[in-house]
C-alpha atoms as a PDB file:
ATOM      1  CA  MET A   1      -9.386  33.980  -5.508  1.00  0.00           C
ATOM      2  CA  TRP A   2     -10.791  30.675  -7.580  1.00  0.00           C
ATOM      3  CA  GLY A   3     -13.992  29.586  -7.033  1.00  0.00           C
ATOM      4  CA  TYR A   4     -14.912  25.909  -6.819  1.00  0.00           C
ATOM      5  CA  ASP A   5     -16.627  26.191 -10.064  1.00  0.00           C
ATOM      6  CA  PHE A   6     -13.273  27.857 -11.745  1.00  0.00           C
ATOM      7  CA  PHE A   7     -12.146  24.894 -13.888  1.00  0.00           C
ATOM      8  CA  GLU A   8     -15.376  23.363 -15.148  1.00  0.00           C
ATOM      9  CA  THR A   9     -16.610  27.007 -16.143  1.00  0.00           C
ATOM     10  CA  ILE A  10     -13.520  27.353 -18.621  1.00  0.00           C
ATOM     11  CA  LEU A  11     -13.729  23.885 -19.431  1.00  0.00           C
ATOM     12  CA  ARG A  12     -17.549  24.113 -20.441  1.00  0.00           C
ATOM     13  CA  LYS A  13     -16.534  27.255 -22.654  1.00  0.00           C
ATOM     14  CA  HIS A  14     -14.450  25.308 -24.420  1.00  0.00           C
ATOM     15  CA  GLY A  15     -16.950  22.578 -25.260  1.00  0.00           C
ATOM     16  CA  TYR A  16     -16.584  19.845 -22.305  1.00  0.00           C
ATOM     17  CA  SER A  17     -19.697  19.070 -20.895  1.00  0.00           C
ATOM     18  CA  VAL A  18     -18.886  15.557 -19.247  1.00  0.00           C
ATOM     19  CA  ILE A  19     -16.234  16.465 -16.669  1.00  0.00           C
ATOM     20  CA  ALA A  20     -15.309  13.903 -14.032  1.00  0.00           C
ATOM     21  CA  GLY A  21     -13.453  14.722 -10.874  1.00  0.00           C
ATOM     22  CA  VAL A  22     -11.272  12.473  -9.075  1.00  0.00           C
ATOM     23  CA  ASP A  23      -9.750  12.299  -5.342  1.00  0.00           C
ATOM     24  CA  GLU A  24      -8.455   9.547  -2.954  1.00  0.00           C
ATOM     25  CA  VAL A  25      -8.733   9.221   0.672  1.00  0.00           C
ATOM     26  CA  GLY A  26      -6.396   7.200   3.326  1.00  0.00           C
ATOM     27  CA  ARG A  27      -3.155   8.099   1.538  1.00  0.00           C
ATOM     28  CA  GLY A  28      -1.639   9.039   5.075  1.00  0.00           C
ATOM     29  CA  SER A  29      -3.222   6.153   6.839  1.00  0.00           C
ATOM     30  CA  LEU A  30      -1.239   3.518   8.690  1.00  0.00           C
ATOM     31  CA  ALA A  31      -3.632   1.045   7.975  1.00  0.00           C
ATOM     32  CA  GLY A  32      -6.448   0.165   5.662  1.00  0.00           C
ATOM     33  CA  PRO A  33      -6.779   0.762   1.673  1.00  0.00           C
ATOM     34  CA  VAL A  34      -6.288   3.968  -0.289  1.00  0.00           C
ATOM     35  CA  VAL A  35     -10.121   4.462  -1.833  1.00  0.00           C
ATOM     36  CA  ALA A  36     -10.552   6.969  -4.859  1.00  0.00           C
ATOM     37  CA  ALA A  37     -13.871   8.140  -6.426  1.00  0.00           C
ATOM     38  CA  ALA A  38     -14.490   9.650  -9.461  1.00  0.00           C
ATOM     39  CA  VAL A  39     -17.841  11.756  -9.569  1.00  0.00           C
ATOM     40  CA  ILE A  40     -19.472  13.506 -12.700  1.00  0.00           C
ATOM     41  CA  LEU A  41     -21.971  16.208 -11.672  1.00  0.00           C
ATOM     42  CA  GLU A  42     -24.705  17.576 -13.674  1.00  0.00           C
ATOM     43  CA  CYS A  43     -24.008  20.649 -15.473  1.00  0.00           C
ATOM     44  CA  GLY A  44     -25.871  23.683 -14.201  1.00  0.00           C
ATOM     45  CA  GLY A  45     -26.538  21.792 -10.937  1.00  0.00           C
ATOM     46  CA  ASP A  46     -26.776  23.379  -7.308  1.00  0.00           C
ATOM     47  CA  PHE A  47     -22.990  22.675  -5.774  1.00  0.00           C
ATOM     48  CA  SER A  48     -23.352  25.266  -2.920  1.00  0.00           C
ATOM     49  CA  ASP A  49     -23.016  22.537  -0.362  1.00  0.00           C
ATOM     50  CA  ILE A  50     -20.134  20.506  -1.905  1.00  0.00           C
ATOM     51  CA  ARG A  51     -16.706  21.701  -0.258  1.00  0.00           C
ATOM     52  CA  ASP A  52     -13.474  19.694   0.329  1.00  0.00           C
ATOM     53  CA  SER A  53     -14.567  16.716   2.512  1.00  0.00           C
ATOM     54  CA  LYS A  54     -11.881  17.896   5.110  1.00  0.00           C
ATOM     55  CA  VAL A  55     -13.546  21.375   6.193  1.00  0.00           C
ATOM     56  CA  LEU A  56     -16.902  19.226   6.350  1.00  0.00           C
ATOM     57  CA  SER A  57     -18.115  17.707   9.813  1.00  0.00           C
ATOM     58  CA  ALA A  58     -18.832  14.070   9.639  1.00  0.00           C
ATOM     59  CA  ARG A  59     -22.387  14.668   9.673  1.00  0.00           C
ATOM     60  CA  SER A  60     -22.430  16.880   7.075  1.00  0.00           C
ATOM     61  CA  ARG A  61     -20.299  14.433   4.805  1.00  0.00           C
ATOM     62  CA  ASP A  62     -22.749  11.966   5.053  1.00  0.00           C
ATOM     63  CA  GLU A  63     -25.601  14.110   3.877  1.00  0.00           C
ATOM     64  CA  VAL A  64     -23.914  15.698   1.119  1.00  0.00           C
ATOM     65  CA  ALA A  65     -22.642  12.256  -0.100  1.00  0.00           C
ATOM     66  CA  GLY A  66     -26.165  11.092   0.067  1.00  0.00           C
ATOM     67  CA  ARG A  67     -27.104  13.710  -2.298  1.00  0.00           C
ATOM     68  CA  ILE A  68     -24.194  13.500  -4.525  1.00  0.00           C
ATOM     69  CA  ARG A  69     -25.004   9.939  -5.131  1.00  0.00           C
ATOM     70  CA  ARG A  70     -28.598  10.528  -5.737  1.00  0.00           C
ATOM     71  CA  GLU A  71     -28.126  13.663  -8.203  1.00  0.00           C
ATOM     72  CA  ALA A  72     -24.622  12.580  -9.844  1.00  0.00           C
ATOM     73  CA  ILE A  73     -24.654  11.334 -13.630  1.00  0.00           C
ATOM     74  CA  ALA A  74     -21.908   9.045 -12.633  1.00  0.00           C
ATOM     75  CA  ILE A  75     -19.582   7.589  -9.851  1.00  0.00           C
ATOM     76  CA  GLY A  76     -16.878   5.596 -10.127  1.00  0.00           C
ATOM     77  CA  VAL A  77     -14.952   3.990  -6.943  1.00  0.00           C
ATOM     78  CA  GLY A  78     -11.587   2.374  -6.630  1.00  0.00           C
ATOM     79  CA  ALA A  79      -9.809   0.876  -3.680  1.00  0.00           C
ATOM     80  CA  VAL A  80      -6.073  -0.653  -3.530  1.00  0.00           C
ATOM     81  CA  GLY A  81      -5.432  -2.833   0.087  1.00  0.00           C
ATOM     82  CA  GLU A  82      -2.630  -2.604   2.047  1.00  0.00           C
ATOM     83  CA  THR A  83      -1.092  -5.606   0.745  1.00  0.00           C
ATOM     84  CA  GLU A  84      -0.683  -4.132  -2.737  1.00  0.00           C
ATOM     85  CA  ILE A  85       0.488  -0.752  -1.108  1.00  0.00           C
ATOM     86  CA  ASP A  86       3.285  -2.375   0.670  1.00  0.00           C
ATOM     87  CA  ARG A  87       4.199  -4.070  -2.618  1.00  0.00           C
ATOM     88  CA  ILE A  88       4.012  -1.201  -5.099  1.00  0.00           C
ATOM     89  CA  ASN A  89       4.619   1.833  -2.422  1.00  0.00           C
ATOM     90  CA  ILE A  90       1.598   4.131  -1.692  1.00  0.00           C
ATOM     91  CA  LEU A  91       2.040   6.782  -4.606  1.00  0.00           C
ATOM     92  CA  GLN A  92       1.477   4.162  -7.245  1.00  0.00           C
ATOM     93  CA  ALA A  93      -1.300   2.804  -5.382  1.00  0.00           C
ATOM     94  CA  THR A  94      -3.060   5.934  -4.711  1.00  0.00           C
ATOM     95  CA  LYS A  95      -2.615   6.268  -8.719  1.00  0.00           C
ATOM     96  CA  ARG A  96      -4.202   2.619  -9.075  1.00  0.00           C
ATOM     97  CA  ALA A  97      -7.099   3.496  -7.315  1.00  0.00           C
ATOM     98  CA  MET A  98      -7.810   6.569  -9.173  1.00  0.00           C
ATOM     99  CA  ILE A  99      -7.476   4.701 -12.360  1.00  0.00           C
ATOM    100  CA  GLN A 100      -9.959   2.067 -11.092  1.00  0.00           C
ATOM    101  CA  ALA A 101     -12.154   4.782 -10.140  1.00  0.00           C
ATOM    102  CA  VAL A 102     -12.222   6.175 -13.824  1.00  0.00           C
ATOM    103  CA  SER A 103     -12.702   2.915 -15.304  1.00  0.00           C
ATOM    104  CA  ARG A 104     -15.985   2.287 -13.162  1.00  0.00           C
ATOM    105  CA  LEU A 105     -17.861   5.319 -14.342  1.00  0.00           C
ATOM    106  CA  PRO A 106     -20.592   3.874 -16.337  1.00  0.00           C
ATOM    107  CA  ILE A 107     -20.426   6.822 -18.800  1.00  0.00           C
ATOM    108  CA  ARG A 108     -16.898   7.840 -20.409  1.00  0.00           C
ATOM    109  CA  PRO A 109     -16.113  11.330 -19.079  1.00  0.00           C
ATOM    110  CA  GLU A 110     -14.608  13.943 -21.667  1.00  0.00           C
ATOM    111  CA  MET A 111     -11.773  15.445 -19.260  1.00  0.00           C
ATOM    112  CA  VAL A 112     -10.937  14.209 -16.107  1.00  0.00           C
ATOM    113  CA  LEU A 113      -9.705  16.712 -13.179  1.00  0.00           C
ATOM    114  CA  VAL A 114      -7.639  14.903 -10.776  1.00  0.00           C
ATOM    115  CA  ASP A 115      -6.542  16.528  -7.149  1.00  0.00           C
ATOM    116  CA  GLY A 116      -2.711  16.952  -6.973  1.00  0.00           C
ATOM    117  CA  PHE A 117      -1.103  15.473  -9.757  1.00  0.00           C
ATOM    118  CA  TRP A 118      -1.548  14.853 -13.622  1.00  0.00           C
ATOM    119  CA  LEU A 119      -2.845  11.012 -13.898  1.00  0.00           C
ATOM    120  CA  ALA A 120      -0.755   8.819 -16.373  1.00  0.00           C
ATOM    121  CA  GLY A 121      -2.673   5.630 -17.625  1.00  0.00           C
ATOM    122  CA  LEU A 122      -6.351   7.144 -18.538  1.00  0.00           C
ATOM    123  CA  THR A 123      -7.321   6.879 -22.018  1.00  0.00           C
ATOM    124  CA  VAL A 124      -9.119  10.399 -21.760  1.00  0.00           C
ATOM    125  CA  PRO A 125      -7.754  13.829 -21.234  1.00  0.00           C
ATOM    126  CA  CYS A 126      -6.804  14.802 -17.784  1.00  0.00           C
ATOM    127  CA  ILE A 127      -5.738  18.017 -15.766  1.00  0.00           C
ATOM    128  CA  GLY A 128      -3.999  17.628 -12.578  1.00  0.00           C
ATOM    129  CA  ILE A 129      -5.028  20.625 -10.227  1.00  0.00           C
ATOM    130  CA  VAL A 130      -3.060  21.461  -6.828  1.00  0.00           C
ATOM    131  CA  LYS A 131      -5.541  21.491  -3.938  1.00  0.00           C
ATOM    132  CA  GLY A 132      -8.134  20.392  -6.482  1.00  0.00           C
ATOM    133  CA  ASP A 133     -10.345  19.595  -3.806  1.00  0.00           C
ATOM    134  CA  SER A 134     -10.615  23.375  -2.840  1.00  0.00           C
ATOM    135  CA  ARG A 135     -10.974  24.726  -6.354  1.00  0.00           C
ATOM    136  CA  SER A 136     -13.138  22.272  -8.209  1.00  0.00           C
ATOM    137  CA  TYR A 137     -16.319  20.944  -7.307  1.00  0.00           C
ATOM    138  CA  SER A 138     -16.099  17.898  -9.269  1.00  0.00           C
ATOM    139  CA  ILE A 139     -13.277  17.107  -7.103  1.00  0.00           C
ATOM    140  CA  ALA A 140     -14.422  18.068  -3.795  1.00  0.00           C
ATOM    141  CA  ALA A 141     -17.562  16.009  -4.678  1.00  0.00           C
ATOM    142  CA  ALA A 142     -15.176  13.040  -5.300  1.00  0.00           C
ATOM    143  CA  SER A 143     -13.357  13.639  -1.969  1.00  0.00           C
ATOM    144  CA  ILE A 144     -16.629  13.645  -0.054  1.00  0.00           C
ATOM    145  CA  VAL A 145     -17.826  10.089  -1.777  1.00  0.00           C
ATOM    146  CA  ALA A 146     -14.223   8.510  -1.106  1.00  0.00           C
ATOM    147  CA  LYS A 147     -13.800   9.817   2.230  1.00  0.00           C
ATOM    148  CA  VAL A 148     -17.357   8.631   3.425  1.00  0.00           C
ATOM    149  CA  GLN A 149     -16.983   5.409   1.770  1.00  0.00           C
ATOM    150  CA  ARG A 150     -13.695   4.534   3.482  1.00  0.00           C
ATOM    151  CA  ASP A 151     -14.628   6.032   6.693  1.00  0.00           C
ATOM    152  CA  LYS A 152     -17.680   3.243   6.958  1.00  0.00           C
ATOM    153  CA  LEU A 153     -15.398   0.392   5.984  1.00  0.00           C
ATOM    154  CA  MET A 154     -12.701   1.658   8.645  1.00  0.00           C
ATOM    155  CA  THR A 155     -15.423   1.623  11.130  1.00  0.00           C
ATOM    156  CA  ALA A 156     -16.293  -1.937  10.193  1.00  0.00           C
ATOM    157  CA  PHE A 157     -12.577  -3.026  10.486  1.00  0.00           C
ATOM    158  CA  ALA A 158     -12.712  -1.580  14.110  1.00  0.00           C
ATOM    159  CA  GLY A 159     -15.229  -4.725  14.945  1.00  0.00           C
ATOM    160  CA  ASN A 160     -12.826  -7.153  14.089  1.00  0.00           C
ATOM    161  CA  PHE A 161      -9.688  -5.402  15.293  1.00  0.00           C
ATOM    162  CA  PRO A 162     -10.909  -3.761  18.281  1.00  0.00           C
ATOM    163  CA  HIS A 163      -7.615  -2.649  19.817  1.00  0.00           C
ATOM    164  CA  TYR A 164      -6.913   0.208  17.509  1.00  0.00           C
ATOM    165  CA  GLY A 165      -9.735   2.664  17.569  1.00  0.00           C
ATOM    166  CA  PHE A 166     -10.157   2.505  14.092  1.00  0.00           C
ATOM    167  CA  GLU A 167     -13.934   3.696  14.636  1.00  0.00           C
ATOM    168  CA  ARG A 168     -12.479   7.131  15.660  1.00  0.00           C
ATOM    169  CA  ASN A 169      -9.056   7.453  13.774  1.00  0.00           C
ATOM    170  CA  LYS A 170      -9.835   5.651  10.668  1.00  0.00           C
ATOM    171  CA  GLY A 171      -6.170   4.269  10.500  1.00  0.00           C
ATOM    172  CA  TYR A 172      -4.315   7.441  10.722  1.00  0.00           C
ATOM    173  CA  GLY A 173      -1.760   7.444  13.310  1.00  0.00           C
ATOM    174  CA  SER A 174      -3.131   9.130  16.172  1.00  0.00           C
ATOM    175  CA  THR A 175      -1.440   8.926  19.551  1.00  0.00           C
ATOM    176  CA  PHE A 176      -3.821   6.332  20.780  1.00  0.00           C
ATOM    177  CA  HIS A 177      -3.435   4.307  17.977  1.00  0.00           C
ATOM    178  CA  ARG A 178       0.225   4.268  17.727  1.00  0.00           C
ATOM    179  CA  ARG A 179       0.601   3.298  21.469  1.00  0.00           C
ATOM    180  CA  ALA A 180      -1.744   0.263  20.143  1.00  0.00           C
ATOM    181  CA  ILE A 181       0.631  -1.012  17.747  1.00  0.00           C
ATOM    182  CA  ALA A 182       3.464  -0.715  19.809  1.00  0.00           C
ATOM    183  CA  GLU A 183       1.684  -2.804  22.552  1.00  0.00           C
ATOM    184  CA  HIS A 184      -0.411  -5.495  20.343  1.00  0.00           C
ATOM    185  CA  GLY A 185       1.739  -5.313  17.014  1.00  0.00           C
ATOM    186  CA  PRO A 186       0.183  -4.458  13.549  1.00  0.00           C
ATOM    187  CA  CYS A 187      -3.199  -6.343  12.613  1.00  0.00           C
ATOM    188  CA  PRO A 188      -3.500  -7.939   9.206  1.00  0.00           C
ATOM    189  CA  ILE A 189      -5.074  -4.433   7.878  1.00  0.00           C
ATOM    190  CA  HIS A 190      -1.868  -2.519   8.948  1.00  0.00           C
ATOM    191  CA  ARG A 191       0.345  -1.019   5.777  1.00  0.00           C
ATOM    192  CA  ARG A 192       3.864  -2.909   7.187  1.00  0.00           C
ATOM    193  CA  SER A 193       6.006  -0.614   4.937  1.00  0.00           C
ATOM    194  CA  PHE A 194       5.277   2.514   7.005  1.00  0.00           C
ATOM    195  CA  GLY A 195       6.937   3.966   9.663  1.00  0.00           C
ATOM    196  CA  GLY A 196       5.471   3.797  12.860  1.00  0.00           C
ATOM    197  CA  VAL A 197       4.067  -0.314  11.599  1.00  0.00           C
ATOM    198  CA  ARG A 198       7.384  -1.805  10.195  1.00  0.00           C
ATOM    199  CA  GLU A 199       9.207  -1.349  13.692  1.00  0.00           C
ATOM    200  CA  PHE A 200       6.746  -3.761  15.522  1.00  0.00           C
ATOM    201  CA  VAL A 201       5.609  -6.456  13.277  1.00  0.00           C
ATOM    202  CA  ALA A 202       7.778  -8.920  15.401  1.00  0.00           C
ATOM    203  CA  ILE A 203       5.481  -7.874  18.026  1.00  0.00           C
ATOM    204  CA  GLY A 204       2.331  -9.996  18.642  1.00  0.00           C
ATOM    205  CA  GLY A 205       1.137 -11.601  15.405  1.00  0.00           C
ATOM    206  CA  ASP A 206      -1.809 -11.347  12.955  1.00  0.00           C
ATOM    207  CA  ASP A 207      -4.265 -11.558  14.987  1.00  0.00           C
ATOM    208  CA  GLY A 208      -4.417  -8.144  15.926  1.00  0.00           C
ATOM    209  CA  GLY A 209      -5.095  -9.018  19.461  1.00  0.00           C
ATOM    210  CA  ARG A 210      -8.500 -10.705  18.816  1.00  0.00           C
END
């Protein structure tokens, strides 16, 4: 079975030393932005605690994200909000957030590893890796940074729009969240093109029940 260092090891043997991993969080959410991160880790570092963000507890993610931010060579973050998601669709918004994240790296990578698919629009070489967040420590690191960043943002939104439980569901379609949308209608950060939201746009108003 492939380890988390499989792709990085092969690339380094072929002369690539500055490798960025890219991943996104929030693609399936009903509310808020899609957030992407790009991370370049130091060659030869200890990445034993870096795993796909989905298999880590919230506390572990916070701890590992802090270490990544302290020790990574470079980090870039991109985000595309709900209005743009509704305008261009979630796939294009995801790609845009990923390109933003790479473009915001303070140094130029020699190779970019992307979770899921090849990413057009980059000015550097790119490899798309299916389930990359469980096959590349660079992508896994990006998944952790993006997840922690987006979770903090959605928790902050919960103070403005208290009916929807964003501090718990982070905008995803939990039973509680869906019932809240049906009762109160969508708030300003809901994605109106998404099923589970668009059916209730006429209910309530844009104040989200504040």
